[in-house]
Amino acid sequence: MVTIRLTRGGTKKVPFYRIVVANSRAKRNGRFLEAIGTWDPSDAGGKLEIDQARFEHWVKLGAQPSDVVGQITKRAAKAAAKTA
């Protein structure tokens, strides 16, 4: 099964995450199919950059977003709707 999940980067106590599409059996920071965005939780409110077209493409193909990725994308969509 293919999942859309986070891989951790950054240094100790200063995390930075990439949003990747990976096989669910791969290690957390292991091989992935495609990197589709980044998330920096240390910014106020968390800075999210995601290629929405690629996210929708992978979901359409059957990829399952992880719980955290689902939450932050919904939060970003609400914030975008609020400002528009």
C-alpha atoms as a PDB file:
ATOM      1  CA  MET A   1       0.000   0.000   0.000  1.00  0.00           C
ATOM      2  CA  VAL A   2       1.166   3.521  -0.772  1.00  0.00           C
ATOM      3  CA  THR A   3       0.973   6.212   1.905  1.00  0.00           C
ATOM      4  CA  ILE A   4       1.492   9.953   2.025  1.00  0.00           C
ATOM      5  CA  ARG A   5       3.467  10.633   5.177  1.00  0.00           C
ATOM      6  CA  LEU A   6       6.181  12.714   6.822  1.00  0.00           C
ATOM      7  CA  THR A   7       9.935  12.162   6.889  1.00  0.00           C
ATOM      8  CA  ARG A   8      11.875  13.978   9.588  1.00  0.00           C
ATOM      9  CA  GLY A   9      14.783  16.260   8.947  1.00  0.00           C
ATOM     10  CA  GLY A  10      16.389  19.126  10.822  1.00  0.00           C
ATOM     11  CA  THR A  11      18.415  18.980  13.984  1.00  0.00           C
ATOM     12  CA  LYS A  12      17.791  17.989  17.560  1.00  0.00           C
ATOM     13  CA  LYS A  13      14.705  19.812  18.915  1.00  0.00           C
ATOM     14  CA  VAL A  14      14.295  21.729  15.613  1.00  0.00           C
ATOM     15  CA  PRO A  15      12.280  19.375  13.397  1.00  0.00           C
ATOM     16  CA  PHE A  16      11.567  19.908   9.720  1.00  0.00           C
ATOM     17  CA  TYR A  17       9.442  17.488   7.727  1.00  0.00           C
ATOM     18  CA  ARG A  18       9.089  16.568   4.076  1.00  0.00           C
ATOM     19  CA  ILE A  19       5.775  15.228   2.829  1.00  0.00           C
ATOM     20  CA  VAL A  20       6.510  12.163   0.734  1.00  0.00           C
ATOM     21  CA  VAL A  21       4.690   9.385  -1.072  1.00  0.00           C
ATOM     22  CA  ALA A  22       6.162   6.056   0.028  1.00  0.00           C
ATOM     23  CA  ASN A  23       5.470   2.372   0.302  1.00  0.00           C
ATOM     24  CA  SER A  24       3.910   1.734   3.692  1.00  0.00           C
ATOM     25  CA  ARG A  25       6.546  -0.905   4.469  1.00  0.00           C
ATOM     26  CA  ALA A  26       9.475   1.473   3.924  1.00  0.00           C
ATOM     27  CA  LYS A  27      11.303   2.985   6.900  1.00  0.00           C
ATOM     28  CA  ARG A  28      10.313   6.438   8.157  1.00  0.00           C
ATOM     29  CA  ASN A  29      13.300   8.148   6.558  1.00  0.00           C
ATOM     30  CA  GLY A  30      13.845   5.448   3.945  1.00  0.00           C
ATOM     31  CA  ARG A  31      13.026   5.214   0.268  1.00  0.00           C
ATOM     32  CA  PHE A  32      10.117   7.142  -1.131  1.00  0.00           C
ATOM     33  CA  LEU A  33       8.453   7.507  -4.516  1.00  0.00           C
ATOM     34  CA  GLU A  34       8.065  11.276  -4.638  1.00  0.00           C
ATOM     35  CA  ALA A  35       8.498  14.301  -2.377  1.00  0.00           C
ATOM     36  CA  ILE A  36       5.430  16.527  -2.732  1.00  0.00           C
ATOM     37  CA  GLY A  37       5.915  19.160  -0.040  1.00  0.00           C
ATOM     38  CA  THR A  38       7.382  20.392   3.224  1.00  0.00           C
ATOM     39  CA  TRP A  39       6.083  21.273   6.680  1.00  0.00           C
ATOM     40  CA  ASP A  40       7.940  23.395   9.216  1.00  0.00           C
ATOM     41  CA  PRO A  41       6.111  23.228  12.575  1.00  0.00           C
ATOM     42  CA  SER A  42       8.542  25.617  14.257  1.00  0.00           C
ATOM     43  CA  ASP A  43       7.028  28.583  12.356  1.00  0.00           C
ATOM     44  CA  ALA A  44       4.003  30.233  13.936  1.00  0.00           C
ATOM     45  CA  GLY A  45       1.091  27.981  13.002  1.00  0.00           C
ATOM     46  CA  GLY A  46       3.338  25.712  10.956  1.00  0.00           C
ATOM     47  CA  LYS A  47       4.485  26.627   7.455  1.00  0.00           C
ATOM     48  CA  LEU A  48       3.081  24.168   4.909  1.00  0.00           C
ATOM     49  CA  GLU A  49       4.113  24.004   1.269  1.00  0.00           C
ATOM     50  CA  ILE A  50       2.514  21.223  -0.760  1.00  0.00           C
ATOM     51  CA  ASP A  51       2.003  20.537  -4.458  1.00  0.00           C
ATOM     52  CA  GLN A  52      -1.772  20.163  -4.307  1.00  0.00           C
ATOM     53  CA  ALA A  53      -2.031  18.729  -7.834  1.00  0.00           C
ATOM     54  CA  ARG A  54       0.413  15.919  -7.026  1.00  0.00           C
ATOM     55  CA  PHE A  55      -1.306  15.276  -3.660  1.00  0.00           C
ATOM     56  CA  GLU A  56      -4.674  14.871  -5.394  1.00  0.00           C
ATOM     57  CA  HIS A  57      -3.070  12.716  -8.102  1.00  0.00           C
ATOM     58  CA  TRP A  58      -1.687  10.248  -5.557  1.00  0.00           C
ATOM     59  CA  VAL A  59      -4.927  10.163  -3.568  1.00  0.00           C
ATOM     60  CA  LYS A  60      -6.790   9.440  -6.801  1.00  0.00           C
ATOM     61  CA  LEU A  61      -4.426   6.522  -7.413  1.00  0.00           C
ATOM     62  CA  GLY A  62      -5.244   5.121  -3.966  1.00  0.00           C
ATOM     63  CA  ALA A  63      -2.539   6.523  -1.692  1.00  0.00           C
ATOM     64  CA  GLN A  64      -3.693   6.952   1.914  1.00  0.00           C
ATOM     65  CA  PRO A  65      -2.567  10.100   3.761  1.00  0.00           C
ATOM     66  CA  SER A  66      -1.317   9.476   7.295  1.00  0.00           C
ATOM     67  CA  ASP A  67      -3.292  10.938  10.193  1.00  0.00           C
ATOM     68  CA  VAL A  68      -0.915  13.878  10.640  1.00  0.00           C
ATOM     69  CA  VAL A  69      -0.721  14.685   6.927  1.00  0.00           C
ATOM     70  CA  GLY A  70      -4.508  14.605   6.718  1.00  0.00           C
ATOM     71  CA  GLN A  71      -4.810  16.991   9.665  1.00  0.00           C
ATOM     72  CA  ILE A  72      -2.294  19.545   8.412  1.00  0.00           C
ATOM     73  CA  THR A  73      -3.704  19.567   4.864  1.00  0.00           C
ATOM     74  CA  LYS A  74      -7.237  20.125   6.210  1.00  0.00           C
ATOM     75  CA  ARG A  75      -5.941  22.925   8.449  1.00  0.00           C
ATOM     76  CA  ALA A  76      -4.163  24.535   5.481  1.00  0.00           C
ATOM     77  CA  ALA A  77      -7.303  24.260   3.324  1.00  0.00           C
ATOM     78  CA  LYS A  78      -9.382  25.979   6.037  1.00  0.00           C
ATOM     79  CA  ALA A  79      -6.818  28.769   6.350  1.00  0.00           C
ATOM     80  CA  ALA A  80      -6.781  29.269   2.575  1.00  0.00           C
ATOM     81  CA  ALA A  81     -10.590  29.378   2.450  1.00  0.00           C
ATOM     82  CA  LYS A  82     -10.665  31.851   5.323  1.00  0.00           C
ATOM     83  CA  THR A  83      -8.313  34.293   3.561  1.00  0.00           C
ATOM     84  CA  ALA A  84     -10.032  33.989   0.162  1.00  0.00           C
END
